[in-house]
Amino acid sequence: MKTLLLFIATALAEIVGCYLPWLWLKQGKPMWLLLPAALSLALFAWLLTLHDTAGAGRVYAAYGGVYIGAALAWLWVVDGIRPTAWDAAGVLVALAGMAIIMLQPAR
């Protein structure tokens, strides 16, 4: 459970870090949003280092599944667009991939 919560916090930091520049570029919001965006992306990078998994590549691969779920939750909560059944199916497949990577037997 701790790992999943850490993955969720990592995903939120990345999404916020990318969303704020998007607001500036696409919606004409103030440029000062780039400062919290940069801080959020720095937090994202730091959070990735806290995952207790052998090999950075394995962390990044497993994190991708959680990121997809968090991004679609963001789509619904922040953007106000309800995910489709296809979105839900994609999240389930991605989370299954994440579980296979993270729960593999120790060697």
N, C-alpha and C. Protein backbone atom coordinates (compact mmCIF):
# COMPACT_ATOMS: atom_id res chain seq x y z
N MET A 1 0.82 -1.19 0.00
CA MET A 1 0.00 0.00 0.00
C MET A 1 0.87 1.26 0.00
N LYS A 2 1.98 1.21 0.76
CA LYS A 2 2.89 2.35 0.80
C LYS A 2 3.45 2.66 -0.59
N THR A 3 3.79 1.61 -1.33
CA THR A 3 4.33 1.80 -2.67
C THR A 3 3.30 2.45 -3.59
N LEU A 4 2.06 1.98 -3.51
CA LEU A 4 1.01 2.55 -4.36
C LEU A 4 0.78 4.02 -4.02
N LEU A 5 0.75 4.37 -2.74
CA LEU A 5 0.56 5.77 -2.35
C LEU A 5 1.72 6.63 -2.83
N LEU A 6 2.92 6.09 -2.77
CA LEU A 6 4.09 6.82 -3.26
C LEU A 6 4.01 7.01 -4.78
N PHE A 7 3.56 5.98 -5.49
CA PHE A 7 3.36 6.11 -6.93
C PHE A 7 2.31 7.19 -7.24
N ILE A 8 1.23 7.23 -6.48
CA ILE A 8 0.18 8.23 -6.70
C ILE A 8 0.71 9.63 -6.45
N ALA A 9 1.46 9.82 -5.35
CA ALA A 9 2.05 11.14 -5.07
C ALA A 9 3.02 11.55 -6.18
N THR A 10 3.78 10.59 -6.68
CA THR A 10 4.72 10.85 -7.77
C THR A 10 3.97 11.29 -9.02
N ALA A 11 2.88 10.59 -9.33
CA ALA A 11 2.09 10.93 -10.51
C ALA A 11 1.47 12.32 -10.38
N LEU A 12 0.95 12.64 -9.23
CA LEU A 12 0.35 13.96 -9.04
C LEU A 12 1.38 15.07 -9.19
N ALA A 13 2.58 14.85 -8.66
CA ALA A 13 3.64 15.85 -8.81
C ALA A 13 3.99 16.05 -10.28
N GLU A 14 4.05 14.97 -11.05
CA GLU A 14 4.36 15.10 -12.47
C GLU A 14 3.23 15.79 -13.22
N ILE A 15 2.01 15.39 -12.94
CA ILE A 15 0.87 15.98 -13.64
C ILE A 15 0.76 17.48 -13.36
N VAL A 16 0.88 17.87 -12.11
CA VAL A 16 0.83 19.30 -11.78
C VAL A 16 1.97 20.04 -12.47
N GLY A 17 3.15 19.45 -12.46
CA GLY A 17 4.31 20.07 -13.10
C GLY A 17 4.15 20.26 -14.60
N CYS A 18 3.34 19.44 -15.22
CA CYS A 18 3.08 19.56 -16.66
C CYS A 18 1.81 20.37 -16.95
N TYR A 19 0.86 20.33 -16.05
CA TYR A 19 -0.41 21.02 -16.25
C TYR A 19 -0.25 22.55 -16.16
N LEU A 20 0.55 23.00 -15.23
CA LEU A 20 0.71 24.45 -15.06
C LEU A 20 1.30 25.13 -16.30
N PRO A 21 2.37 24.58 -16.91
CA PRO A 21 2.83 25.18 -18.18
C PRO A 21 1.79 25.07 -19.29
N TRP A 22 1.02 24.00 -19.28
CA TRP A 22 -0.05 23.85 -20.26
C TRP A 22 -1.06 24.99 -20.13
N LEU A 23 -1.41 25.32 -18.86
CA LEU A 23 -2.33 26.45 -18.64
C LEU A 23 -1.74 27.75 -19.19
N TRP A 24 -0.46 27.96 -18.97
CA TRP A 24 0.21 29.17 -19.45
C TRP A 24 0.21 29.21 -20.98
N LEU A 25 0.61 28.11 -21.60
CA LEU A 25 0.74 28.08 -23.06
C LEU A 25 -0.59 28.01 -23.80
N LYS A 26 -1.53 27.25 -23.29
CA LYS A 26 -2.78 27.00 -24.01
C LYS A 26 -3.93 27.91 -23.60
N GLN A 27 -3.90 28.40 -22.35
CA GLN A 27 -5.02 29.18 -21.88
C GLN A 27 -4.64 30.61 -21.48
N GLY A 28 -3.42 30.99 -21.75
CA GLY A 28 -3.00 32.35 -21.48
C GLY A 28 -2.91 32.72 -20.01
N LYS A 29 -2.73 31.74 -19.16
CA LYS A 29 -2.58 32.01 -17.72
C LYS A 29 -1.22 32.65 -17.47
N PRO A 30 -1.02 33.22 -16.28
CA PRO A 30 0.22 33.95 -16.01
C PRO A 30 1.49 33.08 -16.06
N MET A 31 2.57 33.72 -16.49
CA MET A 31 3.85 33.02 -16.62
C MET A 31 4.40 32.56 -15.28
N TRP A 32 4.02 33.21 -14.19
CA TRP A 32 4.56 32.82 -12.88
C TRP A 32 4.18 31.38 -12.52
N LEU A 33 3.21 30.79 -13.22
CA LEU A 33 2.86 29.39 -12.98
C LEU A 33 4.02 28.45 -13.29
N LEU A 34 4.99 28.94 -14.06
CA LEU A 34 6.15 28.10 -14.38
C LEU A 34 7.00 27.81 -13.14
N LEU A 35 7.00 28.70 -12.17
CA LEU A 35 7.79 28.46 -10.95
C LEU A 35 7.24 27.27 -10.15
N PRO A 36 5.94 27.27 -9.79
CA PRO A 36 5.46 26.06 -9.08
C PRO A 36 5.51 24.81 -9.96
N ALA A 37 5.42 24.99 -11.27
CA ALA A 37 5.55 23.84 -12.17
C ALA A 37 6.94 23.23 -12.05
N ALA A 38 7.96 24.07 -12.05
CA ALA A 38 9.34 23.57 -11.93
C ALA A 38 9.55 22.90 -10.58
N LEU A 39 8.99 23.48 -9.53
CA LEU A 39 9.12 22.88 -8.20
C LEU A 39 8.40 21.53 -8.14
N SER A 40 7.25 21.45 -8.79
CA SER A 40 6.51 20.20 -8.80
C SER A 40 7.26 19.11 -9.57
N LEU A 41 7.90 19.49 -10.67
CA LEU A 41 8.68 18.51 -11.43
C LEU A 41 9.93 18.08 -10.67
N ALA A 42 10.51 19.00 -9.89
CA ALA A 42 11.65 18.61 -9.04
C ALA A 42 11.18 17.64 -7.96
N LEU A 43 10.01 17.90 -7.39
CA LEU A 43 9.43 16.98 -6.40
C LEU A 43 9.17 15.62 -7.04
N PHE A 44 8.66 15.61 -8.26
CA PHE A 44 8.41 14.37 -8.99
C PHE A 44 9.71 13.55 -9.12
N ALA A 45 10.79 14.21 -9.54
CA ALA A 45 12.06 13.50 -9.71
C ALA A 45 12.55 12.95 -8.38
N TRP A 46 12.42 13.73 -7.32
CA TRP A 46 12.85 13.27 -5.99
C TRP A 46 12.01 12.09 -5.53
N LEU A 47 10.69 12.17 -5.73
CA LEU A 47 9.81 11.08 -5.30
C LEU A 47 10.15 9.77 -6.02
N LEU A 48 10.54 9.86 -7.29
CA LEU A 48 10.93 8.64 -8.00
C LEU A 48 12.11 7.94 -7.33
N THR A 49 12.99 8.71 -6.70
CA THR A 49 14.15 8.10 -6.04
C THR A 49 13.78 7.38 -4.75
N LEU A 50 12.59 7.61 -4.22
CA LEU A 50 12.18 7.00 -2.95
C LEU A 50 11.59 5.61 -3.12
N HIS A 51 11.32 5.22 -4.36
CA HIS A 51 10.73 3.90 -4.60
C HIS A 51 11.78 2.82 -4.36
N ASP A 52 11.40 1.83 -3.57
CA ASP A 52 12.32 0.76 -3.18
C ASP A 52 12.24 -0.40 -4.17
N THR A 53 12.84 -0.20 -5.32
CA THR A 53 12.84 -1.22 -6.37
C THR A 53 14.23 -1.27 -6.99
N ALA A 54 14.69 -2.46 -7.28
CA ALA A 54 16.00 -2.60 -7.91
C ALA A 54 15.93 -2.08 -9.34
N GLY A 55 16.75 -1.13 -9.66
CA GLY A 55 16.83 -0.61 -11.01
C GLY A 55 15.85 0.51 -11.28
N ALA A 56 16.36 1.63 -11.74
CA ALA A 56 15.53 2.79 -12.05
C ALA A 56 14.53 2.46 -13.15
N GLY A 57 14.95 1.72 -14.15
CA GLY A 57 14.07 1.39 -15.25
C GLY A 57 12.83 0.63 -14.81
N ARG A 58 12.98 -0.25 -13.84
CA ARG A 58 11.82 -0.99 -13.33
C ARG A 58 10.85 -0.05 -12.62
N VAL A 59 11.38 0.90 -11.87
CA VAL A 59 10.52 1.88 -11.21
C VAL A 59 9.75 2.68 -12.25
N TYR A 60 10.45 3.16 -13.27
CA TYR A 60 9.80 3.97 -14.29
C TYR A 60 8.72 3.18 -15.02
N ALA A 61 9.00 1.93 -15.32
CA ALA A 61 8.04 1.08 -16.03
C ALA A 61 6.79 0.85 -15.18
N ALA A 62 6.98 0.51 -13.93
CA ALA A 62 5.84 0.26 -13.05
C ALA A 62 5.08 1.55 -12.78
N TYR A 63 5.78 2.64 -12.62
CA TYR A 63 5.15 3.93 -12.37
C TYR A 63 4.23 4.33 -13.52
N GLY A 64 4.58 3.95 -14.72
CA GLY A 64 3.77 4.30 -15.88
C GLY A 64 2.32 3.84 -15.76
N GLY A 65 2.10 2.68 -15.19
CA GLY A 65 0.73 2.19 -15.01
C GLY A 65 -0.07 3.06 -14.07
N VAL A 66 0.54 3.46 -12.98
CA VAL A 66 -0.14 4.33 -12.02
C VAL A 66 -0.35 5.71 -12.63
N TYR A 67 0.62 6.19 -13.38
CA TYR A 67 0.50 7.50 -14.02
C TYR A 67 -0.72 7.54 -14.95
N ILE A 68 -0.93 6.49 -15.71
CA ILE A 68 -2.07 6.45 -16.62
C ILE A 68 -3.38 6.57 -15.83
N GLY A 69 -3.49 5.85 -14.73
CA GLY A 69 -4.68 5.96 -13.90
C GLY A 69 -4.85 7.35 -13.31
N ALA A 70 -3.76 7.93 -12.83
CA ALA A 70 -3.83 9.27 -12.25
C ALA A 70 -4.19 10.31 -13.31
N ALA A 71 -3.65 10.14 -14.51
CA ALA A 71 -3.95 11.10 -15.59
C ALA A 71 -5.43 11.05 -15.97
N LEU A 72 -6.01 9.86 -16.00
CA LEU A 72 -7.43 9.77 -16.32
C LEU A 72 -8.31 10.26 -15.17
N ALA A 73 -7.85 10.09 -13.93
CA ALA A 73 -8.56 10.68 -12.80
C ALA A 73 -8.51 12.21 -12.89
N TRP A 74 -7.36 12.74 -13.29
CA TRP A 74 -7.20 14.18 -13.50
C TRP A 74 -8.16 14.67 -14.60
N LEU A 75 -8.25 13.89 -15.67
CA LEU A 75 -9.16 14.21 -16.77
C LEU A 75 -10.58 14.40 -16.24
N TRP A 76 -10.99 13.53 -15.34
CA TRP A 76 -12.33 13.55 -14.81
C TRP A 76 -12.51 14.67 -13.78
N VAL A 77 -11.62 14.73 -12.79
CA VAL A 77 -11.78 15.67 -11.68
C VAL A 77 -11.45 17.11 -12.07
N VAL A 78 -10.35 17.32 -12.77
CA VAL A 78 -9.90 18.68 -13.08
C VAL A 78 -10.47 19.18 -14.40
N ASP A 79 -10.39 18.35 -15.43
CA ASP A 79 -10.87 18.77 -16.75
C ASP A 79 -12.38 18.62 -16.91
N GLY A 80 -13.01 17.86 -16.02
CA GLY A 80 -14.45 17.68 -16.08
C GLY A 80 -14.92 16.78 -17.21
N ILE A 81 -14.03 15.92 -17.70
CA ILE A 81 -14.38 15.00 -18.78
C ILE A 81 -14.41 13.58 -18.22
N ARG A 82 -15.55 12.97 -18.30
CA ARG A 82 -15.69 11.62 -17.76
C ARG A 82 -14.98 10.61 -18.67
N PRO A 83 -14.09 9.79 -18.09
CA PRO A 83 -13.41 8.77 -18.89
C PRO A 83 -14.41 7.77 -19.48
N THR A 84 -14.06 7.24 -20.62
CA THR A 84 -14.90 6.25 -21.30
C THR A 84 -14.60 4.85 -20.78
N ALA A 85 -15.40 3.91 -21.21
CA ALA A 85 -15.13 2.50 -20.88
C ALA A 85 -13.79 2.07 -21.46
N TRP A 86 -13.43 2.62 -22.62
CA TRP A 86 -12.13 2.32 -23.23
C TRP A 86 -11.00 2.85 -22.34
N ASP A 87 -11.19 4.05 -21.78
CA ASP A 87 -10.19 4.59 -20.86
C ASP A 87 -10.02 3.68 -19.65
N ALA A 88 -11.15 3.25 -19.09
CA ALA A 88 -11.11 2.37 -17.92
C ALA A 88 -10.41 1.05 -18.24
N ALA A 89 -10.71 0.49 -19.40
CA ALA A 89 -10.05 -0.75 -19.81
C ALA A 89 -8.54 -0.54 -19.95
N GLY A 90 -8.15 0.57 -20.53
CA GLY A 90 -6.72 0.87 -20.67
C GLY A 90 -6.03 1.00 -19.34
N VAL A 91 -6.69 1.64 -18.38
CA VAL A 91 -6.12 1.77 -17.03
C VAL A 91 -5.95 0.40 -16.40
N LEU A 92 -6.94 -0.45 -16.53
CA LEU A 92 -6.85 -1.80 -15.95
C LEU A 92 -5.69 -2.58 -16.55
N VAL A 93 -5.51 -2.49 -17.85
CA VAL A 93 -4.40 -3.18 -18.50
C VAL A 93 -3.06 -2.60 -17.99
N ALA A 94 -2.98 -1.27 -17.90
CA ALA A 94 -1.74 -0.64 -17.44
C ALA A 94 -1.44 -1.02 -15.99
N LEU A 95 -2.47 -1.04 -15.14
CA LEU A 95 -2.26 -1.41 -13.74
C LEU A 95 -1.90 -2.89 -13.61
N ALA A 96 -2.44 -3.72 -14.47
CA ALA A 96 -2.05 -5.14 -14.47
C ALA A 96 -0.57 -5.26 -14.83
N GLY A 97 -0.12 -4.49 -15.81
CA GLY A 97 1.30 -4.48 -16.16
C GLY A 97 2.16 -4.01 -15.01
N MET A 98 1.70 -2.97 -14.32
CA MET A 98 2.43 -2.46 -13.16
C MET A 98 2.53 -3.53 -12.08
N ALA A 99 1.43 -4.23 -11.82
CA ALA A 99 1.43 -5.27 -10.80
C ALA A 99 2.37 -6.42 -11.17
N ILE A 100 2.38 -6.80 -12.44
CA ILE A 100 3.29 -7.87 -12.87
C ILE A 100 4.73 -7.47 -12.62
N ILE A 101 5.07 -6.23 -12.93
CA ILE A 101 6.44 -5.75 -12.74
C ILE A 101 6.79 -5.68 -11.26
N MET A 102 5.90 -5.10 -10.44
CA MET A 102 6.23 -4.85 -9.04
C MET A 102 6.11 -6.09 -8.16
N LEU A 103 5.28 -7.04 -8.54
CA LEU A 103 5.03 -8.20 -7.67
C LEU A 103 5.74 -9.46 -8.14
N GLN A 104 6.69 -9.30 -9.06
CA GLN A 104 7.39 -10.48 -9.54
C GLN A 104 8.19 -11.13 -8.40
N PRO A 105 8.38 -12.44 -8.50
CA PRO A 105 9.13 -13.14 -7.46
C PRO A 105 10.57 -12.61 -7.37
N ALA A 106 11.07 -12.59 -6.17
CA ALA A 106 12.46 -12.16 -5.96
C ALA A 106 13.40 -13.18 -6.58
N ARG A 107 14.50 -12.70 -7.14
CA ARG A 107 15.47 -13.61 -7.75
C ARG A 107 16.65 -13.80 -6.85
